[in-house]
Amino acid sequence: MSFYDLGAKGYLYALRILRRIVLLKAELDALGDAHYLMGEIYTDQKKPTIATAEFEKAALAYQQAICLEPRQADNYFSLGRVYIAQHTKDAALRI
């Protein structure tokens, strides 16, 4: 079961937890994951402006994580996932 299965209450709970992760200034890959998930939630809630901002923050966090740990494959995958969510598949293919 995921937060998506819980509907509006699940979204609110997930957003609360993800915001705490961001406020605690987690490691860059975790920060990227948090922003990506918030972007997905806002997309599902039909709030594209907020979703776009979260995807941009996620992309920046993953780019910084790649600079710090260029051999960590998960960061490249996650950055590509963000680019696809932003409908910039060309950027995803360049990774």
PDB file of N, CA and C in Angstrom:
ATOM      1  N   MET A   1       0.846  -1.174   0.000  1.00  0.00           N
ATOM      2  CA  MET A   1       0.000   0.000   0.000  1.00  0.00           C
ATOM      3  C   MET A   1       0.892   1.238   0.000  1.00  0.00           C
ATOM      4  N   SER A   2       0.475   2.253  -0.729  1.00  0.00           N
ATOM      5  CA  SER A   2       1.241   3.489  -0.806  1.00  0.00           C
ATOM      6  C   SER A   2       0.363   4.657  -0.377  1.00  0.00           C
ATOM      7  N   PHE A   3       0.966   5.840  -0.327  1.00  0.00           N
ATOM      8  CA  PHE A   3       0.199   7.031   0.020  1.00  0.00           C
ATOM      9  C   PHE A   3      -0.885   7.307  -1.002  1.00  0.00           C
ATOM     10  N   TYR A   4      -0.629   6.927  -2.261  1.00  0.00           N
ATOM     11  CA  TYR A   4      -1.609   7.149  -3.318  1.00  0.00           C
ATOM     12  C   TYR A   4      -2.901   6.379  -3.047  1.00  0.00           C
ATOM     13  N   ASP A   5      -2.771   5.214  -2.395  1.00  0.00           N
ATOM     14  CA  ASP A   5      -3.938   4.392  -2.104  1.00  0.00           C
ATOM     15  C   ASP A   5      -4.820   5.006  -1.003  1.00  0.00           C
ATOM     16  N   LEU A   6      -4.268   5.898  -0.232  1.00  0.00           N
ATOM     17  CA  LEU A   6      -5.000   6.483   0.887  1.00  0.00           C
ATOM     18  C   LEU A   6      -5.793   7.731   0.525  1.00  0.00           C
ATOM     19  N   GLY A   7      -5.670   8.191  -0.681  1.00  0.00           N
ATOM     20  CA  GLY A   7      -6.425   9.357  -1.129  1.00  0.00           C
ATOM     21  C   GLY A   7      -5.899  10.649  -0.542  1.00  0.00           C
ATOM     22  N   ALA A   8      -6.800  11.609  -0.346  1.00  0.00           N
ATOM     23  CA  ALA A   8      -6.409  12.951   0.096  1.00  0.00           C
ATOM     24  C   ALA A   8      -5.676  12.931   1.433  1.00  0.00           C
ATOM     25  N   LYS A   9      -6.138  12.123   2.387  1.00  0.00           N
ATOM     26  CA  LYS A   9      -5.460  12.066   3.685  1.00  0.00           C
ATOM     27  C   LYS A   9      -4.056  11.507   3.548  1.00  0.00           C
ATOM     28  N   GLY A  10      -3.899  10.533   2.686  1.00  0.00           N
ATOM     29  CA  GLY A  10      -2.575   9.972   2.452  1.00  0.00           C
ATOM     30  C   GLY A  10      -1.634  10.996   1.851  1.00  0.00           C
ATOM     31  N   TYR A  11      -2.157  11.799   0.920  1.00  0.00           N
ATOM     32  CA  TYR A  11      -1.350  12.855   0.314  1.00  0.00           C
ATOM     33  C   TYR A  11      -0.900  13.859   1.362  1.00  0.00           C
ATOM     34  N   LEU A  12      -1.823  14.278   2.208  1.00  0.00           N
ATOM     35  CA  LEU A  12      -1.474  15.261   3.240  1.00  0.00           C
ATOM     36  C   LEU A  12      -0.419  14.710   4.187  1.00  0.00           C
ATOM     37  N   TYR A  13      -0.580  13.466   4.580  1.00  0.00           N
ATOM     38  CA  TYR A  13       0.387  12.833   5.468  1.00  0.00           C
ATOM     39  C   TYR A  13       1.750  12.737   4.791  1.00  0.00           C
ATOM     40  N   ALA A  14       1.755  12.310   3.541  1.00  0.00           N
ATOM     41  CA  ALA A  14       3.015  12.183   2.795  1.00  0.00           C
ATOM     42  C   ALA A  14       3.689  13.535   2.637  1.00  0.00           C
ATOM     43  N   LEU A  15       2.927  14.559   2.283  1.00  0.00           N
ATOM     44  CA  LEU A  15       3.505  15.896   2.116  1.00  0.00           C
ATOM     45  C   LEU A  15       4.116  16.401   3.418  1.00  0.00           C
ATOM     46  N   ARG A  16       3.456  16.126   4.535  1.00  0.00           N
ATOM     47  CA  ARG A  16       3.972  16.552   5.834  1.00  0.00           C
ATOM     48  C   ARG A  16       5.334  15.902   6.105  1.00  0.00           C
ATOM     49  N   ILE A  17       5.438  14.622   5.840  1.00  0.00           N
ATOM     50  CA  ILE A  17       6.701  13.913   6.062  1.00  0.00           C
ATOM     51  C   ILE A  17       7.781  14.406   5.098  1.00  0.00           C
ATOM     52  N   LEU A  18       7.420  14.574   3.841  1.00  0.00           N
ATOM     53  CA  LEU A  18       8.395  15.014   2.842  1.00  0.00           C
ATOM     54  C   LEU A  18       8.896  16.422   3.136  1.00  0.00           C
ATOM     55  N   ARG A  19       8.020  17.283   3.613  1.00  0.00           N
ATOM     56  CA  ARG A  19       8.453  18.642   3.981  1.00  0.00           C
ATOM     57  C   ARG A  19       9.446  18.609   5.134  1.00  0.00           C
ATOM     58  N   ARG A  20       9.235  17.678   6.068  1.00  0.00           N
ATOM     59  CA  ARG A  20      10.178  17.549   7.185  1.00  0.00           C
ATOM     60  C   ARG A  20      11.551  17.113   6.687  1.00  0.00           C
ATOM     61  N   ILE A  21      11.557  16.212   5.721  1.00  0.00           N
ATOM     62  CA  ILE A  21      12.826  15.764   5.144  1.00  0.00           C
ATOM     63  C   ILE A  21      13.559  16.950   4.535  1.00  0.00           C
ATOM     64  N   VAL A  22      12.817  17.784   3.815  1.00  0.00           N
ATOM     65  CA  VAL A  22      13.424  18.954   3.181  1.00  0.00           C
ATOM     66  C   VAL A  22      13.934  19.926   4.243  1.00  0.00           C
ATOM     67  N   LEU A  23      13.147  20.154   5.283  1.00  0.00           N
ATOM     68  CA  LEU A  23      13.565  21.082   6.338  1.00  0.00           C
ATOM     69  C   LEU A  23      14.799  20.585   7.090  1.00  0.00           C
ATOM     70  N   LEU A  24      14.934  19.281   7.216  1.00  0.00           N
ATOM     71  CA  LEU A  24      16.090  18.720   7.901  1.00  0.00           C
ATOM     72  C   LEU A  24      17.341  18.729   7.034  1.00  0.00           C
ATOM     73  N   LYS A  25      17.176  19.164   5.784  1.00  0.00           N
ATOM     74  CA  LYS A  25      18.293  19.246   4.843  1.00  0.00           C
ATOM     75  C   LYS A  25      19.019  17.912   4.750  1.00  0.00           C
ATOM     76  N   ALA A  26      18.266  16.920   4.303  1.00  0.00           N
ATOM     77  CA  ALA A  26      18.794  15.574   4.147  1.00  0.00           C
ATOM     78  C   ALA A  26      19.891  15.553   3.087  1.00  0.00           C
ATOM     79  N   GLU A  27      20.507  14.398   2.907  1.00  0.00           N
ATOM     80  CA  GLU A  27      21.508  14.245   1.858  1.00  0.00           C
ATOM     81  C   GLU A  27      20.862  14.564   0.519  1.00  0.00           C
ATOM     82  N   LEU A  28      21.672  14.948  -0.444  1.00  0.00           N
ATOM     83  CA  LEU A  28      21.143  15.446  -1.715  1.00  0.00           C
ATOM     84  C   LEU A  28      20.257  14.442  -2.435  1.00  0.00           C
ATOM     85  N   ASP A  29      20.625  13.156  -2.421  1.00  0.00           N
ATOM     86  CA  ASP A  29      19.780  12.195  -3.117  1.00  0.00           C
ATOM     87  C   ASP A  29      18.435  12.029  -2.411  1.00  0.00           C
ATOM     88  N   ALA A  30      18.431  12.045  -1.077  1.00  0.00           N
ATOM     89  CA  ALA A  30      17.174  11.971  -0.332  1.00  0.00           C
ATOM     90  C   ALA A  30      16.353  13.238  -0.539  1.00  0.00           C
ATOM     91  N   LEU A  31      17.035  14.369  -0.609  1.00  0.00           N
ATOM     92  CA  LEU A  31      16.355  15.635  -0.869  1.00  0.00           C
ATOM     93  C   LEU A  31      15.718  15.605  -2.256  1.00  0.00           C
ATOM     94  N   GLY A  32      16.438  15.097  -3.231  1.00  0.00           N
ATOM     95  CA  GLY A  32      15.894  14.958  -4.575  1.00  0.00           C
ATOM     96  C   GLY A  32      14.680  14.043  -4.589  1.00  0.00           C
ATOM     97  N   ASP A  33      14.773  12.924  -3.867  1.00  0.00           N
ATOM     98  CA  ASP A  33      13.636  12.001  -3.793  1.00  0.00           C
ATOM     99  C   ASP A  33      12.418  12.686  -3.187  1.00  0.00           C
ATOM    100  N   ALA A  34      12.635  13.456  -2.134  1.00  0.00           N
ATOM    101  CA  ALA A  34      11.518  14.139  -1.471  1.00  0.00           C
ATOM    102  C   ALA A  34      10.842  15.123  -2.419  1.00  0.00           C
ATOM    103  N   HIS A  35      11.627  15.932  -3.111  1.00  0.00           N
ATOM    104  CA  HIS A  35      11.042  16.892  -4.049  1.00  0.00           C
ATOM    105  C   HIS A  35      10.344  16.180  -5.204  1.00  0.00           C
ATOM    106  N   TYR A  36      10.940  15.086  -5.682  1.00  0.00           N
ATOM    107  CA  TYR A  36      10.314  14.331  -6.774  1.00  0.00           C
ATOM    108  C   TYR A  36       8.947  13.796  -6.339  1.00  0.00           C
ATOM    109  N   LEU A  37       8.895  13.198  -5.148  1.00  0.00           N
ATOM    110  CA  LEU A  37       7.626  12.646  -4.667  1.00  0.00           C
ATOM    111  C   LEU A  37       6.583  13.740  -4.444  1.00  0.00           C
ATOM    112  N   MET A  38       7.025  14.894  -3.943  1.00  0.00           N
ATOM    113  CA  MET A  38       6.078  16.005  -3.791  1.00  0.00           C
ATOM    114  C   MET A  38       5.567  16.444  -5.161  1.00  0.00           C
ATOM    115  N   GLY A  39       6.434  16.474  -6.151  1.00  0.00           N
ATOM    116  CA  GLY A  39       6.004  16.808  -7.501  1.00  0.00           C
ATOM    117  C   GLY A  39       4.970  15.829  -8.027  1.00  0.00           C
ATOM    118  N   GLU A  40       5.188  14.533  -7.765  1.00  0.00           N
ATOM    119  CA  GLU A  40       4.225  13.520  -8.187  1.00  0.00           C
ATOM    120  C   GLU A  40       2.869  13.715  -7.496  1.00  0.00           C
ATOM    121  N   ILE A  41       2.906  14.007  -6.216  1.00  0.00           N
ATOM    122  CA  ILE A  41       1.655  14.224  -5.469  1.00  0.00           C
ATOM    123  C   ILE A  41       0.913  15.431  -6.029  1.00  0.00           C
ATOM    124  N   TYR A  42       1.624  16.532  -6.234  1.00  0.00           N
ATOM    125  CA  TYR A  42       0.968  17.729  -6.767  1.00  0.00           C
ATOM    126  C   TYR A  42       0.451  17.505  -8.192  1.00  0.00           C
ATOM    127  N   THR A  43       1.148  16.673  -8.960  1.00  0.00           N
ATOM    128  CA  THR A  43       0.659  16.345 -10.296  1.00  0.00           C
ATOM    129  C   THR A  43      -0.670  15.589 -10.192  1.00  0.00           C
ATOM    130  N   ASP A  44      -0.718  14.610  -9.295  1.00  0.00           N
ATOM    131  CA  ASP A  44      -1.959  13.853  -9.102  1.00  0.00           C
ATOM    132  C   ASP A  44      -3.090  14.736  -8.589  1.00  0.00           C
ATOM    133  N   GLN A  45      -2.751  15.756  -7.823  1.00  0.00           N
ATOM    134  CA  GLN A  45      -3.765  16.663  -7.284  1.00  0.00           C
ATOM    135  C   GLN A  45      -4.127  17.781  -8.258  1.00  0.00           C
ATOM    136  N   LYS A  46      -3.616  17.701  -9.471  1.00  0.00           N
ATOM    137  CA  LYS A  46      -3.909  18.686 -10.522  1.00  0.00           C
ATOM    138  C   LYS A  46      -3.431  20.085 -10.136  1.00  0.00           C
ATOM    139  N   LYS A  47      -2.224  20.153  -9.574  1.00  0.00           N
ATOM    140  CA  LYS A  47      -1.587  21.428  -9.228  1.00  0.00           C
ATOM    141  C   LYS A  47      -0.268  21.517  -9.978  1.00  0.00           C
ATOM    142  N   PRO A  48      -0.340  21.763 -11.302  1.00  0.00           N
ATOM    143  CA  PRO A  48       0.874  21.675 -12.128  1.00  0.00           C
ATOM    144  C   PRO A  48       1.941  22.703 -11.806  1.00  0.00           C
ATOM    145  N   THR A  49       1.572  23.878 -11.371  1.00  0.00           N
ATOM    146  CA  THR A  49       2.568  24.910 -11.080  1.00  0.00           C
ATOM    147  C   THR A  49       3.446  24.493  -9.904  1.00  0.00           C
ATOM    148  N   ILE A  50       2.821  24.001  -8.856  1.00  0.00           N
ATOM    149  CA  ILE A  50       3.572  23.557  -7.684  1.00  0.00           C
ATOM    150  C   ILE A  50       4.393  22.325  -8.046  1.00  0.00           C
ATOM    151  N   ALA A  51       3.809  21.418  -8.825  1.00  0.00           N
ATOM    152  CA  ALA A  51       4.521  20.205  -9.238  1.00  0.00           C
ATOM    153  C   ALA A  51       5.777  20.553 -10.021  1.00  0.00           C
ATOM    154  N   THR A  52       5.672  21.493 -10.933  1.00  0.00           N
ATOM    155  CA  THR A  52       6.823  21.909 -11.741  1.00  0.00           C
ATOM    156  C   THR A  52       7.943  22.441 -10.856  1.00  0.00           C
ATOM    157  N   ALA A  53       7.599  23.246  -9.875  1.00  0.00           N
ATOM    158  CA  ALA A  53       8.615  23.794  -8.963  1.00  0.00           C
ATOM    159  C   ALA A  53       9.311  22.678  -8.191  1.00  0.00           C
ATOM    160  N   GLU A  54       8.552  21.678  -7.746  1.00  0.00           N
ATOM    161  CA  GLU A  54       9.151  20.570  -6.996  1.00  0.00           C
ATOM    162  C   GLU A  54      10.058  19.729  -7.891  1.00  0.00           C
ATOM    163  N   PHE A  55       9.634  19.503  -9.139  1.00  0.00           N
ATOM    164  CA  PHE A  55      10.481  18.745 -10.066  1.00  0.00           C
ATOM    165  C   PHE A  55      11.781  19.490 -10.349  1.00  0.00           C
ATOM    166  N   GLU A  56      11.709  20.812 -10.445  1.00  0.00           N
ATOM    167  CA  GLU A  56      12.930  21.599 -10.673  1.00  0.00           C
ATOM    168  C   GLU A  56      13.881  21.492  -9.484  1.00  0.00           C
ATOM    169  N   LYS A  57      13.328  21.533  -8.273  1.00  0.00           N
ATOM    170  CA  LYS A  57      14.162  21.386  -7.074  1.00  0.00           C
ATOM    171  C   LYS A  57      14.779  19.993  -7.019  1.00  0.00           C
ATOM    172  N   ALA A  58      13.993  18.990  -7.418  1.00  0.00           N
ATOM    173  CA  ALA A  58      14.509  17.618  -7.431  1.00  0.00           C
ATOM    174  C   ALA A  58      15.659  17.495  -8.424  1.00  0.00           C
ATOM    175  N   ALA A  59      15.491  18.081  -9.604  1.00  0.00           N
ATOM    176  CA  ALA A  59      16.545  18.010 -10.627  1.00  0.00           C
ATOM    177  C   ALA A  59      17.827  18.662 -10.120  1.00  0.00           C
ATOM    178  N   LEU A  60      17.710  19.802  -9.461  1.00  0.00           N
ATOM    179  CA  LEU A  60      18.904  20.469  -8.914  1.00  0.00           C
ATOM    180  C   LEU A  60      19.593  19.608  -7.853  1.00  0.00           C
ATOM    181  N   ALA A  61      18.797  19.001  -6.989  1.00  0.00           N
ATOM    182  CA  ALA A  61      19.382  18.163  -5.939  1.00  0.00           C
ATOM    183  C   ALA A  61      20.104  16.960  -6.537  1.00  0.00           C
ATOM    184  N   TYR A  62      19.490  16.324  -7.544  1.00  0.00           N
ATOM    185  CA  TYR A  62      20.133  15.172  -8.178  1.00  0.00           C
ATOM    186  C   TYR A  62      21.392  15.589  -8.939  1.00  0.00           C
ATOM    187  N   GLN A  63      21.359  16.744  -9.593  1.00  0.00           N
ATOM    188  CA  GLN A  63      22.551  17.224 -10.303  1.00  0.00           C
ATOM    189  C   GLN A  63      23.701  17.456  -9.326  1.00  0.00           C
ATOM    190  N   GLN A  64      23.392  18.024  -8.173  1.00  0.00           N
ATOM    191  CA  GLN A  64      24.424  18.250  -7.165  1.00  0.00           C
ATOM    192  C   GLN A  64      24.937  16.920  -6.619  1.00  0.00           C
ATOM    193  N   ALA A  65      24.024  15.968  -6.429  1.00  0.00           N
ATOM    194  CA  ALA A  65      24.430  14.650  -5.943  1.00  0.00           C
ATOM    195  C   ALA A  65      25.346  13.961  -6.952  1.00  0.00           C
ATOM    196  N   ILE A  66      25.061  14.123  -8.239  1.00  0.00           N
ATOM    197  CA  ILE A  66      25.903  13.537  -9.283  1.00  0.00           C
ATOM    198  C   ILE A  66      27.294  14.168  -9.266  1.00  0.00           C
ATOM    199  N   CYS A  67      27.366  15.468  -9.050  1.00  0.00           N
ATOM    200  CA  CYS A  67      28.676  16.132  -8.968  1.00  0.00           C
ATOM    201  C   CYS A  67      29.492  15.596  -7.798  1.00  0.00           C
ATOM    202  N   LEU A  68      28.825  15.327  -6.676  1.00  0.00           N
ATOM    203  CA  LEU A  68      29.532  14.837  -5.497  1.00  0.00           C
ATOM    204  C   LEU A  68      29.872  13.355  -5.588  1.00  0.00           C
ATOM    205  N   GLU A  69      28.978  12.581  -6.202  1.00  0.00           N
ATOM    206  CA  GLU A  69      29.171  11.135  -6.313  1.00  0.00           C
ATOM    207  C   GLU A  69      28.885  10.683  -7.742  1.00  0.00           C
ATOM    208  N   PRO A  70      29.809  10.935  -8.664  1.00  0.00           N
ATOM    209  CA  PRO A  70      29.548  10.634 -10.076  1.00  0.00           C
ATOM    210  C   PRO A  70      29.405   9.144 -10.397  1.00  0.00           C
ATOM    211  N   ARG A  71      29.831   8.277  -9.508  1.00  0.00           N
ATOM    212  CA  ARG A  71      29.729   6.833  -9.756  1.00  0.00           C
ATOM    213  C   ARG A  71      28.432   6.230  -9.210  1.00  0.00           C
ATOM    214  N   GLN A  72      27.613   7.016  -8.577  1.00  0.00           N
ATOM    215  CA  GLN A  72      26.363   6.527  -7.989  1.00  0.00           C
ATOM    216  C   GLN A  72      25.284   6.503  -9.062  1.00  0.00           C
ATOM    217  N   ALA A  73      24.967   5.330  -9.582  1.00  0.00           N
ATOM    218  CA  ALA A  73      24.045   5.187 -10.712  1.00  0.00           C
ATOM    219  C   ALA A  73      22.620   5.617 -10.383  1.00  0.00           C
ATOM    220  N   ASP A  74      22.192   5.439  -9.139  1.00  0.00           N
ATOM    221  CA  ASP A  74      20.817   5.790  -8.764  1.00  0.00           C
ATOM    222  C   ASP A  74      20.513   7.264  -9.005  1.00  0.00           C
ATOM    223  N   ASN A  75      21.500   8.113  -8.804  1.00  0.00           N
ATOM    224  CA  ASN A  75      21.276   9.544  -9.003  1.00  0.00           C
ATOM    225  C   ASN A  75      21.003   9.868 -10.471  1.00  0.00           C
ATOM    226  N   TYR A  76      21.698   9.194 -11.370  1.00  0.00           N
ATOM    227  CA  TYR A  76      21.462   9.390 -12.806  1.00  0.00           C
ATOM    228  C   TYR A  76      20.057   8.912 -13.189  1.00  0.00           C
ATOM    229  N   PHE A  77      19.693   7.744 -12.671  1.00  0.00           N
ATOM    230  CA  PHE A  77      18.364   7.203 -12.943  1.00  0.00           C
ATOM    231  C   PHE A  77      17.288   8.155 -12.440  1.00  0.00           C
ATOM    232  N   SER A  78      17.475   8.648 -11.224  1.00  0.00           N
ATOM    233  CA  SER A  78      16.479   9.540 -10.620  1.00  0.00           C
ATOM    234  C   SER A  78      16.379  10.856 -11.380  1.00  0.00           C
ATOM    235  N   LEU A  79      17.513  11.381 -11.822  1.00  0.00           N
ATOM    236  CA  LEU A  79      17.490  12.617 -12.602  1.00  0.00           C
ATOM    237  C   LEU A  79      16.745  12.390 -13.919  1.00  0.00           C
ATOM    238  N   GLY A  80      16.984  11.263 -14.559  1.00  0.00           N
ATOM    239  CA  GLY A  80      16.253  10.937 -15.778  1.00  0.00           C
ATOM    240  C   GLY A  80      14.762  10.835 -15.538  1.00  0.00           C
ATOM    241  N   ARG A  81      14.393  10.266 -14.409  1.00  0.00           N
ATOM    242  CA  ARG A  81      12.968  10.141 -14.045  1.00  0.00           C
ATOM    243  C   ARG A  81      12.330  11.521 -13.879  1.00  0.00           C
ATOM    244  N   VAL A  82      13.074  12.451 -13.291  1.00  0.00           N
ATOM    245  CA  VAL A  82      12.570  13.818 -13.127  1.00  0.00           C
ATOM    246  C   VAL A  82      12.383  14.476 -14.491  1.00  0.00           C
ATOM    247  N   TYR A  83      13.370  14.318 -15.375  1.00  0.00           N
ATOM    248  CA  TYR A  83      13.262  14.911 -16.707  1.00  0.00           C
ATOM    249  C   TYR A  83      12.054  14.362 -17.464  1.00  0.00           C
ATOM    250  N   ILE A  84      11.785  13.085 -17.319  1.00  0.00           N
ATOM    251  CA  ILE A  84      10.613  12.500 -17.973  1.00  0.00           C
ATOM    252  C   ILE A  84       9.335  13.090 -17.378  1.00  0.00           C
ATOM    253  N   ALA A  85       9.298  13.260 -16.062  1.00  0.00           N
ATOM    254  CA  ALA A  85       8.124  13.871 -15.418  1.00  0.00           C
ATOM    255  C   ALA A  85       7.921  15.304 -15.892  1.00  0.00           C
ATOM    256  N   GLN A  86       9.022  15.983 -16.245  1.00  0.00           N
ATOM    257  CA  GLN A  86       8.948  17.357 -16.749  1.00  0.00           C
ATOM    258  C   GLN A  86       8.687  17.407 -18.254  1.00  0.00           C
ATOM    259  N   HIS A  87       8.541  16.249 -18.862  1.00  0.00           N
ATOM    260  CA  HIS A  87       8.307  16.142 -20.314  1.00  0.00           C
ATOM    261  C   HIS A  87       9.488  16.671 -21.112  1.00  0.00           C
ATOM    262  N   THR A  88      10.707  16.493 -20.587  1.00  0.00           N
ATOM    263  CA  THR A  88      11.924  16.864 -21.311  1.00  0.00           C
ATOM    264  C   THR A  88      12.721  15.585 -21.562  1.00  0.00           C
ATOM    265  N   LYS A  89      12.178  14.755 -22.438  1.00  0.00           N
ATOM    266  CA  LYS A  89      12.790  13.456 -22.706  1.00  0.00           C
ATOM    267  C   LYS A  89      14.163  13.580 -23.357  1.00  0.00           C
ATOM    268  N   ASP A  90      14.383  14.632 -24.113  1.00  0.00           N
ATOM    269  CA  ASP A  90      15.703  14.829 -24.715  1.00  0.00           C
ATOM    270  C   ASP A  90      16.771  14.966 -23.637  1.00  0.00           C
ATOM    271  N   ALA A  91      16.455  15.710 -22.584  1.00  0.00           N
ATOM    272  CA  ALA A  91      17.397  15.868 -21.484  1.00  0.00           C
ATOM    273  C   ALA A  91      17.620  14.530 -20.778  1.00  0.00           C
ATOM    274  N   ALA A  92      16.572  13.750 -20.663  1.00  0.00           N
ATOM    275  CA  ALA A  92      16.692  12.436 -20.025  1.00  0.00           C
ATOM    276  C   ALA A  92      17.604  11.517 -20.828  1.00  0.00           C
ATOM    277  N   LEU A  93      17.516  11.600 -22.134  1.00  0.00           N
ATOM    278  CA  LEU A  93      18.343  10.753 -22.989  1.00  0.00           C
ATOM    279  C   LEU A  93      19.813  11.151 -22.957  1.00  0.00           C
ATOM    280  N   ARG A  94      20.106  12.406 -22.628  1.00  0.00           N
ATOM    281  CA  ARG A  94      21.491  12.886 -22.606  1.00  0.00           C
ATOM    282  C   ARG A  94      22.244  12.470 -21.345  1.00  0.00           C
ATOM    283  N   ILE A  95      21.557  11.972 -20.378  1.00  0.00           N
ATOM    284  CA  ILE A  95      22.215  11.622 -19.107  1.00  0.00           C
ATOM    285  C   ILE A  95      23.121  10.434 -19.300  1.00  0.00           C
TER     286      ILE A  95
END
